[in-house]
Amino acid sequence: MGGALLAAVATAALTVWAWNAPLPDPTAHHVFLIVWALGGLTLAAELFARGASRLHTPVPRGVRVLVLGLLAGAALGTFPWNDAQVVFWYQLWWGGPVATALALTLISRSERSASSG
């Protein structure tokens, strides 16, 4: 339960901290941050659901797949490919770990064993 709270607070803090970064395209930046925050909050909800003794239902698989797809699409779609300045690489450094964690929740052992039994 503490991990879920930490993940939610870290997601909110990083989103607020990076919101007004001096970037050439603030709209694309905001789109990425909103989708990234959605991914982080989905992970926090998954941690909470797995850690709470009364809640044995994880975040639905379809929701996790949707958020993973949105995150990958936002990271690729908002990246300035013709002007890839160093400040934009945070999308890879921030989006990569969240996307990887979401993908790992999709192949977790406990979910596979629950669905096969």
N, C-alpha and C. Protein backbone atom coordinates (compact mmCIF):
# COMPACT_ATOMS: atom_id res chain seq x y z
N MET A 1 0.82 -1.19 0.00
CA MET A 1 0.00 0.00 0.00
C MET A 1 0.86 1.26 0.00
N GLY A 2 2.00 1.22 0.70
CA GLY A 2 2.90 2.36 0.73
C GLY A 2 3.53 2.62 -0.63
N GLY A 3 3.81 1.53 -1.38
CA GLY A 3 4.38 1.68 -2.71
C GLY A 3 3.42 2.36 -3.66
N ALA A 4 2.14 2.07 -3.51
CA ALA A 4 1.12 2.68 -4.36
C ALA A 4 1.04 4.18 -4.10
N LEU A 5 1.08 4.55 -2.84
CA LEU A 5 1.02 5.97 -2.49
C LEU A 5 2.27 6.70 -2.98
N LEU A 6 3.41 6.08 -2.81
CA LEU A 6 4.66 6.67 -3.29
C LEU A 6 4.63 6.84 -4.81
N ALA A 7 4.14 5.85 -5.54
CA ALA A 7 4.05 5.94 -7.00
C ALA A 7 3.11 7.06 -7.43
N ALA A 8 1.98 7.19 -6.75
CA ALA A 8 1.02 8.25 -7.09
C ALA A 8 1.59 9.64 -6.81
N VAL A 9 2.24 9.79 -5.67
CA VAL A 9 2.82 11.09 -5.31
C VAL A 9 3.97 11.44 -6.26
N ALA A 10 4.81 10.47 -6.58
CA ALA A 10 5.93 10.72 -7.49
C ALA A 10 5.42 11.10 -8.88
N THR A 11 4.39 10.43 -9.34
CA THR A 11 3.80 10.76 -10.64
C THR A 11 3.28 12.19 -10.65
N ALA A 12 2.51 12.54 -9.64
CA ALA A 12 1.97 13.90 -9.57
C ALA A 12 3.08 14.94 -9.46
N ALA A 13 4.09 14.67 -8.63
CA ALA A 13 5.18 15.63 -8.44
C ALA A 13 5.97 15.84 -9.73
N LEU A 14 6.31 14.77 -10.42
CA LEU A 14 7.07 14.92 -11.67
C LEU A 14 6.26 15.62 -12.75
N THR A 15 4.96 15.35 -12.80
CA THR A 15 4.12 16.00 -13.79
C THR A 15 4.04 17.50 -13.53
N VAL A 16 3.81 17.88 -12.30
CA VAL A 16 3.73 19.31 -11.95
C VAL A 16 5.08 19.99 -12.18
N TRP A 17 6.17 19.32 -11.80
CA TRP A 17 7.51 19.89 -11.95
C TRP A 17 7.84 20.17 -13.42
N ALA A 18 7.44 19.26 -14.32
CA ALA A 18 7.82 19.39 -15.73
C ALA A 18 6.79 20.15 -16.56
N TRP A 19 5.66 20.51 -16.01
CA TRP A 19 4.57 21.08 -16.79
C TRP A 19 4.98 22.34 -17.56
N ASN A 20 5.65 23.27 -16.93
CA ASN A 20 6.00 24.55 -17.57
C ASN A 20 7.44 24.59 -18.07
N ALA A 21 7.96 23.46 -18.48
CA ALA A 21 9.33 23.44 -19.02
C ALA A 21 9.39 24.30 -20.27
N PRO A 22 10.49 25.01 -20.47
CA PRO A 22 10.62 25.89 -21.65
C PRO A 22 10.93 25.07 -22.90
N LEU A 23 9.90 24.58 -23.54
CA LEU A 23 10.05 23.75 -24.74
C LEU A 23 9.41 24.43 -25.93
N PRO A 24 9.86 24.11 -27.14
CA PRO A 24 9.31 24.77 -28.33
C PRO A 24 7.84 24.46 -28.57
N ASP A 25 7.37 23.28 -28.18
CA ASP A 25 5.97 22.91 -28.43
C ASP A 25 5.31 22.48 -27.11
N PRO A 26 4.79 23.44 -26.34
CA PRO A 26 4.21 23.10 -25.04
C PRO A 26 2.98 22.20 -25.14
N THR A 27 2.23 22.28 -26.22
CA THR A 27 1.03 21.43 -26.35
C THR A 27 1.42 19.97 -26.44
N ALA A 28 2.39 19.64 -27.26
CA ALA A 28 2.86 18.25 -27.36
C ALA A 28 3.43 17.79 -26.03
N HIS A 29 4.13 18.66 -25.37
CA HIS A 29 4.71 18.37 -24.05
C HIS A 29 3.60 18.05 -23.05
N HIS A 30 2.54 18.83 -23.05
CA HIS A 30 1.44 18.61 -22.12
C HIS A 30 0.70 17.32 -22.42
N VAL A 31 0.51 17.02 -23.70
CA VAL A 31 -0.15 15.76 -24.07
C VAL A 31 0.65 14.59 -23.54
N PHE A 32 1.97 14.60 -23.76
CA PHE A 32 2.79 13.51 -23.25
C PHE A 32 2.70 13.42 -21.74
N LEU A 33 2.81 14.55 -21.03
CA LEU A 33 2.76 14.52 -19.57
C LEU A 33 1.44 13.98 -19.04
N ILE A 34 0.33 14.33 -19.68
CA ILE A 34 -0.98 13.84 -19.23
C ILE A 34 -1.06 12.32 -19.40
N VAL A 35 -0.63 11.84 -20.55
CA VAL A 35 -0.68 10.39 -20.80
C VAL A 35 0.32 9.66 -19.90
N TRP A 36 1.49 10.24 -19.70
CA TRP A 36 2.48 9.64 -18.81
C TRP A 36 1.94 9.56 -17.39
N ALA A 37 1.29 10.63 -16.93
CA ALA A 37 0.70 10.63 -15.58
C ALA A 37 -0.40 9.58 -15.48
N LEU A 38 -1.18 9.41 -16.52
CA LEU A 38 -2.20 8.36 -16.54
C LEU A 38 -1.55 6.99 -16.37
N GLY A 39 -0.43 6.78 -17.05
CA GLY A 39 0.30 5.52 -16.90
C GLY A 39 0.81 5.32 -15.50
N GLY A 40 1.40 6.36 -14.92
CA GLY A 40 1.90 6.26 -13.55
C GLY A 40 0.79 6.01 -12.54
N LEU A 41 -0.34 6.65 -12.72
CA LEU A 41 -1.46 6.45 -11.80
C LEU A 41 -2.09 5.07 -11.99
N THR A 42 -2.07 4.55 -13.21
CA THR A 42 -2.54 3.18 -13.44
C THR A 42 -1.65 2.19 -12.72
N LEU A 43 -0.35 2.42 -12.76
CA LEU A 43 0.56 1.55 -12.01
C LEU A 43 0.33 1.66 -10.51
N ALA A 44 0.09 2.86 -10.02
CA ALA A 44 -0.19 3.04 -8.60
C ALA A 44 -1.47 2.30 -8.21
N ALA A 45 -2.49 2.38 -9.05
CA ALA A 45 -3.74 1.67 -8.76
C ALA A 45 -3.51 0.16 -8.77
N GLU A 46 -2.69 -0.33 -9.68
CA GLU A 46 -2.36 -1.75 -9.74
C GLU A 46 -1.62 -2.18 -8.47
N LEU A 47 -0.66 -1.38 -8.03
CA LEU A 47 0.06 -1.69 -6.80
C LEU A 47 -0.89 -1.70 -5.61
N PHE A 48 -1.80 -0.75 -5.56
CA PHE A 48 -2.77 -0.69 -4.47
C PHE A 48 -3.67 -1.92 -4.47
N ALA A 49 -4.18 -2.29 -5.65
CA ALA A 49 -5.08 -3.44 -5.74
C ALA A 49 -4.38 -4.73 -5.36
N ARG A 50 -3.13 -4.89 -5.73
CA ARG A 50 -2.39 -6.11 -5.39
C ARG A 50 -1.96 -6.12 -3.94
N GLY A 51 -1.78 -4.95 -3.34
CA GLY A 51 -1.31 -4.88 -1.96
C GLY A 51 -2.43 -4.90 -0.93
N ALA A 52 -3.61 -4.50 -1.30
CA ALA A 52 -4.73 -4.46 -0.35
C ALA A 52 -5.30 -5.86 -0.17
N SER A 53 -5.47 -6.28 1.06
CA SER A 53 -5.91 -7.65 1.32
C SER A 53 -7.36 -7.89 0.87
N ARG A 54 -8.19 -6.88 0.88
CA ARG A 54 -9.59 -7.05 0.50
C ARG A 54 -9.80 -6.94 -1.00
N LEU A 55 -8.90 -6.30 -1.70
CA LEU A 55 -9.04 -6.09 -3.14
C LEU A 55 -8.12 -7.04 -3.89
N HIS A 56 -8.67 -8.13 -4.35
CA HIS A 56 -7.88 -9.09 -5.10
C HIS A 56 -8.06 -8.90 -6.60
N THR A 57 -8.78 -7.87 -6.99
CA THR A 57 -9.01 -7.61 -8.40
C THR A 57 -8.03 -6.54 -8.87
N PRO A 58 -7.13 -6.89 -9.78
CA PRO A 58 -6.22 -5.87 -10.30
C PRO A 58 -6.95 -4.94 -11.26
N VAL A 59 -6.26 -3.91 -11.68
CA VAL A 59 -6.82 -3.04 -12.71
C VAL A 59 -7.09 -3.92 -13.92
N PRO A 60 -8.26 -3.80 -14.55
CA PRO A 60 -8.58 -4.69 -15.68
C PRO A 60 -7.48 -4.68 -16.75
N ARG A 61 -7.25 -5.85 -17.30
CA ARG A 61 -6.19 -6.03 -18.30
C ARG A 61 -6.39 -5.08 -19.49
N GLY A 62 -7.62 -4.92 -19.94
CA GLY A 62 -7.88 -4.03 -21.07
C GLY A 62 -7.49 -2.59 -20.79
N VAL A 63 -7.68 -2.15 -19.56
CA VAL A 63 -7.29 -0.79 -19.18
C VAL A 63 -5.78 -0.65 -19.24
N ARG A 64 -5.07 -1.66 -18.72
CA ARG A 64 -3.60 -1.60 -18.75
C ARG A 64 -3.06 -1.63 -20.17
N VAL A 65 -3.68 -2.43 -21.04
CA VAL A 65 -3.26 -2.48 -22.45
C VAL A 65 -3.53 -1.13 -23.12
N LEU A 66 -4.69 -0.55 -22.86
CA LEU A 66 -5.03 0.75 -23.43
C LEU A 66 -4.04 1.83 -23.00
N VAL A 67 -3.75 1.89 -21.71
CA VAL A 67 -2.83 2.91 -21.20
C VAL A 67 -1.42 2.69 -21.76
N LEU A 68 -1.00 1.45 -21.88
CA LEU A 68 0.31 1.16 -22.47
C LEU A 68 0.36 1.63 -23.92
N GLY A 69 -0.68 1.37 -24.68
CA GLY A 69 -0.74 1.83 -26.06
C GLY A 69 -0.78 3.35 -26.17
N LEU A 70 -1.55 3.98 -25.30
CA LEU A 70 -1.60 5.44 -25.30
C LEU A 70 -0.24 6.05 -24.97
N LEU A 71 0.45 5.45 -24.01
CA LEU A 71 1.76 5.96 -23.61
C LEU A 71 2.77 5.82 -24.75
N ALA A 72 2.80 4.67 -25.38
CA ALA A 72 3.72 4.46 -26.50
C ALA A 72 3.38 5.41 -27.65
N GLY A 73 2.09 5.54 -27.94
CA GLY A 73 1.67 6.44 -29.01
C GLY A 73 1.98 7.90 -28.71
N ALA A 74 1.75 8.32 -27.47
CA ALA A 74 2.04 9.71 -27.10
C ALA A 74 3.53 9.99 -27.12
N ALA A 75 4.33 9.05 -26.64
CA ALA A 75 5.78 9.26 -26.64
C ALA A 75 6.32 9.38 -28.06
N LEU A 76 5.83 8.52 -28.95
CA LEU A 76 6.30 8.58 -30.34
C LEU A 76 5.66 9.73 -31.11
N GLY A 77 4.39 10.00 -30.84
CA GLY A 77 3.67 11.02 -31.59
C GLY A 77 4.03 12.45 -31.21
N THR A 78 4.47 12.67 -30.00
CA THR A 78 4.80 14.02 -29.57
C THR A 78 6.29 14.30 -29.61
N PHE A 79 7.08 13.31 -29.98
CA PHE A 79 8.53 13.50 -30.05
C PHE A 79 8.88 14.32 -31.29
N PRO A 80 9.66 15.38 -31.15
CA PRO A 80 10.02 16.23 -32.30
C PRO A 80 11.15 15.59 -33.12
N TRP A 81 10.80 14.73 -34.01
CA TRP A 81 11.78 13.94 -34.76
C TRP A 81 12.73 14.80 -35.59
N ASN A 82 12.27 15.91 -36.11
CA ASN A 82 13.15 16.74 -36.94
C ASN A 82 13.96 17.74 -36.12
N ASP A 83 13.68 17.84 -34.81
CA ASP A 83 14.42 18.75 -33.94
C ASP A 83 14.57 18.11 -32.56
N ALA A 84 15.24 16.98 -32.51
CA ALA A 84 15.36 16.20 -31.27
C ALA A 84 16.42 16.80 -30.35
N GLN A 85 16.03 17.83 -29.65
CA GLN A 85 16.94 18.45 -28.69
C GLN A 85 17.05 17.56 -27.46
N VAL A 86 18.04 17.81 -26.68
CA VAL A 86 18.28 17.00 -25.49
C VAL A 86 17.09 17.04 -24.53
N VAL A 87 16.41 18.18 -24.43
CA VAL A 87 15.32 18.30 -23.47
C VAL A 87 14.16 17.35 -23.79
N PHE A 88 14.06 16.90 -25.02
CA PHE A 88 12.96 16.01 -25.37
C PHE A 88 13.26 14.54 -25.07
N TRP A 89 14.49 14.21 -24.77
CA TRP A 89 14.81 12.81 -24.50
C TRP A 89 14.20 12.32 -23.19
N TYR A 90 13.71 13.25 -22.36
CA TYR A 90 13.05 12.82 -21.12
C TYR A 90 11.86 11.92 -21.44
N GLN A 91 11.27 12.08 -22.62
CA GLN A 91 10.14 11.22 -22.98
C GLN A 91 10.56 9.76 -23.01
N LEU A 92 11.76 9.49 -23.47
CA LEU A 92 12.24 8.11 -23.47
C LEU A 92 12.63 7.66 -22.07
N TRP A 93 13.25 8.55 -21.30
CA TRP A 93 13.67 8.20 -19.96
C TRP A 93 12.50 8.08 -18.99
N TRP A 94 11.45 8.83 -19.22
CA TRP A 94 10.27 8.74 -18.35
C TRP A 94 9.28 7.71 -18.87
N GLY A 95 9.07 7.71 -20.18
CA GLY A 95 8.08 6.81 -20.75
C GLY A 95 8.53 5.36 -20.74
N GLY A 96 9.81 5.12 -20.93
CA GLY A 96 10.32 3.74 -20.99
C GLY A 96 10.05 2.94 -19.73
N PRO A 97 10.44 3.42 -18.55
CA PRO A 97 10.19 2.64 -17.34
C PRO A 97 8.70 2.43 -17.04
N VAL A 98 7.87 3.43 -17.27
CA VAL A 98 6.43 3.27 -17.01
C VAL A 98 5.84 2.26 -17.99
N ALA A 99 6.22 2.34 -19.26
CA ALA A 99 5.73 1.39 -20.25
C ALA A 99 6.21 -0.02 -19.93
N THR A 100 7.45 -0.16 -19.52
CA THR A 100 7.97 -1.48 -19.15
C THR A 100 7.23 -2.05 -17.95
N ALA A 101 6.99 -1.23 -16.95
CA ALA A 101 6.25 -1.71 -15.77
C ALA A 101 4.82 -2.11 -16.13
N LEU A 102 4.17 -1.33 -17.00
CA LEU A 102 2.83 -1.70 -17.43
C LEU A 102 2.85 -3.02 -18.19
N ALA A 103 3.85 -3.20 -19.05
CA ALA A 103 3.96 -4.45 -19.80
C ALA A 103 4.20 -5.62 -18.85
N LEU A 104 4.99 -5.42 -17.83
CA LEU A 104 5.24 -6.50 -16.86
C LEU A 104 3.99 -6.87 -16.08
N THR A 105 3.11 -5.90 -15.82
CA THR A 105 1.87 -6.24 -15.13
C THR A 105 0.98 -7.11 -16.01
N LEU A 106 1.16 -7.00 -17.31
CA LEU A 106 0.34 -7.81 -18.23
C LEU A 106 0.79 -9.27 -18.27
N ILE A 107 2.03 -9.52 -17.91
CA ILE A 107 2.53 -10.90 -17.97
C ILE A 107 2.89 -11.43 -16.59
N SER A 108 2.33 -10.85 -15.56
CA SER A 108 2.66 -11.27 -14.19
C SER A 108 2.18 -12.70 -13.94
N ARG A 109 2.93 -13.40 -13.13
CA ARG A 109 2.65 -14.81 -12.82
C ARG A 109 1.32 -14.97 -12.09
N SER A 110 1.02 -14.10 -11.14
CA SER A 110 -0.20 -14.24 -10.36
C SER A 110 -1.44 -14.08 -11.23
N GLU A 111 -1.39 -13.19 -12.21
CA GLU A 111 -2.55 -13.01 -13.09
C GLU A 111 -2.74 -14.21 -14.00
N ARG A 112 -1.63 -14.76 -14.51
CA ARG A 112 -1.73 -15.94 -15.37
C ARG A 112 -2.29 -17.12 -14.63
N SER A 113 -1.84 -17.34 -13.37
CA SER A 113 -2.33 -18.48 -12.62
C SER A 113 -3.79 -18.31 -12.22
N ALA A 114 -4.21 -17.06 -11.97
CA ALA A 114 -5.62 -16.82 -11.62
C ALA A 114 -6.52 -17.04 -12.81
N SER A 115 -6.07 -16.69 -14.00
CA SER A 115 -6.92 -16.84 -15.18
C SER A 115 -6.95 -18.28 -15.69
N SER A 116 -5.95 -19.08 -15.36
CA SER A 116 -5.94 -20.47 -15.83
C SER A 116 -6.67 -21.40 -14.90
N GLY A 117 -6.96 -20.96 -13.68
CA GLY A 117 -7.58 -21.85 -12.70
C GLY A 117 -8.99 -21.65 -12.50
